[in-house]
C-alpha atoms as a PDB file:
ATOM      1  CA  MET A   1     -63.950-153.192 -18.544  1.00  0.00           C
ATOM      2  CA  GLN A   2     -66.234-153.493 -21.556  1.00  0.00           C
ATOM      3  CA  PRO A   3     -68.902-156.246 -21.463  1.00  0.00           C
ATOM      4  CA  LEU A   4     -68.169-159.256 -23.636  1.00  0.00           C
ATOM      5  CA  VAL A   5     -71.002-159.507 -26.181  1.00  0.00           C
ATOM      6  CA  GLU A   6     -71.125-162.932 -27.780  1.00  0.00           C
ATOM      7  CA  ALA A   7     -74.636-163.196 -29.238  1.00  0.00           C
ATOM      8  CA  ALA A   8     -77.219-160.724 -30.549  1.00  0.00           C
ATOM      9  CA  ARG A   9     -80.804-160.621 -29.291  1.00  0.00           C
ATOM     10  CA  GLN A  10     -83.484-162.005 -31.579  1.00  0.00           C
ATOM     11  CA  ARG A  11     -87.286-161.806 -31.457  1.00  0.00           C
ATOM     12  CA  GLY A  12     -88.783-164.471 -29.184  1.00  0.00           C
ATOM     13  CA  ASP A  13     -85.577-165.121 -27.233  1.00  0.00           C
ATOM     14  CA  ALA A  14     -85.760-166.103 -23.565  1.00  0.00           C
ATOM     15  CA  PHE A  15     -83.032-164.940 -21.176  1.00  0.00           C
ATOM     16  CA  VAL A  16     -81.647-165.812 -17.762  1.00  0.00           C
ATOM     17  CA  VAL A  17     -79.863-163.164 -15.685  1.00  0.00           C
ATOM     18  CA  GLU A  18     -77.540-164.360 -12.925  1.00  0.00           C
ATOM     19  CA  SER A  19     -76.031-161.904 -10.446  1.00  0.00           C
ATOM     20  CA  ARG A  20     -73.738-162.469  -7.508  1.00  0.00           C
ATOM     21  CA  LEU A  21     -71.558-160.536  -5.092  1.00  0.00           C
ATOM     22  CA  GLU A  22     -67.852-161.180  -4.625  1.00  0.00           C
ATOM     23  CA  ARG A  23     -65.680-159.600  -1.994  1.00  0.00           C
ATOM     24  CA  VAL A  24     -62.575-158.126  -3.680  1.00  0.00           C
ATOM     25  CA  SER A  25     -60.937-156.582  -0.597  1.00  0.00           C
ATOM     26  CA  PRO A  26     -62.039-155.478   2.881  1.00  0.00           C
ATOM     27  CA  VAL A  27     -63.604-152.326   1.385  1.00  0.00           C
ATOM     28  CA  ARG A  28     -64.408-153.351  -2.206  1.00  0.00           C
ATOM     29  CA  VAL A  29     -67.062-155.682  -3.636  1.00  0.00           C
ATOM     30  CA  ALA A  30     -67.742-156.859  -7.162  1.00  0.00           C
ATOM     31  CA  PHE A  31     -71.177-157.289  -8.695  1.00  0.00           C
ATOM     32  CA  VAL A  32     -70.826-160.068 -11.265  1.00  0.00           C
ATOM     33  CA  GLN A  33     -73.561-160.572 -13.848  1.00  0.00           C
ATOM     34  CA  ASP A  34     -74.061-163.120 -16.627  1.00  0.00           C
ATOM     35  CA  ILE A  35     -76.890-162.823 -19.142  1.00  0.00           C
ATOM     36  CA  ALA A  36     -77.614-165.922 -21.215  1.00  0.00           C
ATOM     37  CA  ARG A  37     -80.083-166.683 -23.979  1.00  0.00           C
ATOM     38  CA  THR A  38     -81.966-169.923 -23.240  1.00  0.00           C
ATOM     39  CA  THR A  39     -84.133-170.223 -26.334  1.00  0.00           C
ATOM     40  CA  GLY A  40     -84.519-173.648 -27.907  1.00  0.00           C
ATOM     41  CA  GLY A  41     -83.116-175.555 -24.940  1.00  0.00           C
ATOM     42  CA  HIS A  42     -79.634-174.180 -25.521  1.00  0.00           C
ATOM     43  CA  ARG A  43     -77.810-171.757 -23.237  1.00  0.00           C
ATOM     44  CA  THR A  44     -75.698-169.111 -24.980  1.00  0.00           C
ATOM     45  CA  THR A  45     -73.852-166.435 -23.006  1.00  0.00           C
ATOM     46  CA  CYS A  46     -74.716-162.993 -24.335  1.00  0.00           C
ATOM     47  CA  VAL A  47     -73.102-160.615 -21.829  1.00  0.00           C
ATOM     48  CA  LYS A  48     -70.722-160.916 -18.888  1.00  0.00           C
ATOM     49  CA  ALA A  49     -69.971-157.982 -16.602  1.00  0.00           C
ATOM     50  CA  ARG A  50     -68.000-157.377 -13.406  1.00  0.00           C
ATOM     51  CA  VAL A  51     -68.432-154.019 -11.644  1.00  0.00           C
ATOM     52  CA  ILE A  52     -66.151-153.141  -8.720  1.00  0.00           C
ATOM     53  CA  CYS A  53     -67.711-150.923  -6.029  1.00  0.00           C
ATOM     54  CA  ALA A  54     -66.717-149.422  -2.707  1.00  0.00           C
ATOM     55  CA  ALA A  55     -68.714-147.715   0.026  1.00  0.00           C
ATOM     56  CA  MET A  56     -67.411-144.163   0.458  1.00  0.00           C
ATOM     57  CA  ASN A  57     -67.441-141.750   3.363  1.00  0.00           C
ATOM     58  CA  PRO A  58     -69.133-138.635   1.927  1.00  0.00           C
ATOM     59  CA  SER A  59     -67.201-136.332   4.265  1.00  0.00           C
ATOM     60  CA  THR A  60     -63.715-137.563   3.418  1.00  0.00           C
ATOM     61  CA  GLY A  61     -64.205-139.196   0.016  1.00  0.00           C
ATOM     62  CA  ARG A  62     -62.299-142.239   1.276  1.00  0.00           C
ATOM     63  CA  PRO A  63     -63.448-145.886   1.144  1.00  0.00           C
ATOM     64  CA  ILE A  64     -65.036-147.338   4.281  1.00  0.00           C
ATOM     65  CA  MET A  65     -65.992-150.840   5.404  1.00  0.00           C
ATOM     66  CA  PRO A  66     -69.229-151.958   3.716  1.00  0.00           C
ATOM     67  CA  PRO A  67     -72.414-151.405   5.732  1.00  0.00           C
ATOM     68  CA  ALA A  68     -73.573-154.198   8.056  1.00  0.00           C
ATOM     69  CA  GLU A  69     -76.457-155.032   5.677  1.00  0.00           C
ATOM     70  CA  LEU A  70     -73.986-155.944   2.952  1.00  0.00           C
ATOM     71  CA  ALA A  71     -71.837-157.963   5.369  1.00  0.00           C
ATOM     72  CA  ARG A  72     -74.922-160.021   6.253  1.00  0.00           C
ATOM     73  CA  VAL A  73     -75.463-160.788   2.554  1.00  0.00           C
ATOM     74  CA  PHE A  74     -71.901-162.086   2.280  1.00  0.00           C
ATOM     75  CA  ASN A  75     -72.293-164.241   5.382  1.00  0.00           C
ATOM     76  CA  ALA A  76     -75.634-165.659   4.171  1.00  0.00           C
ATOM     77  CA  GLU A  77     -74.373-166.499   0.693  1.00  0.00           C
ATOM     78  CA  GLY A  78     -70.994-167.881   1.704  1.00  0.00           C
ATOM     79  CA  ALA A  79     -68.955-165.333  -0.215  1.00  0.00           C
ATOM     80  CA  PRO A  80     -65.230-165.571   0.462  1.00  0.00           C
ATOM     81  CA  ALA A  81     -63.789-163.500   3.275  1.00  0.00           C
ATOM     82  CA  PRO A  82     -61.605-160.528   2.372  1.00  0.00           C
ATOM     83  CA  THR A  83     -57.915-161.187   1.849  1.00  0.00           C
END
């Protein structure tokens, strides 16, 4: 998926980058990112992206359950359980 670019960068702009994890399935996660320009007291979305990832077993090339470290992140941040 191509990022949606809604506003061009200009000199002196201030930006906010928000990132979050979403569980897509038992073996896939999505990294969701929004980048917004906050110059002049206004918030304008510049870029939105959603990247789907999966942990892979290097021996078989097949997806595996995410590592325990990632599961702890989901539990701490209240991400939805897999469907």
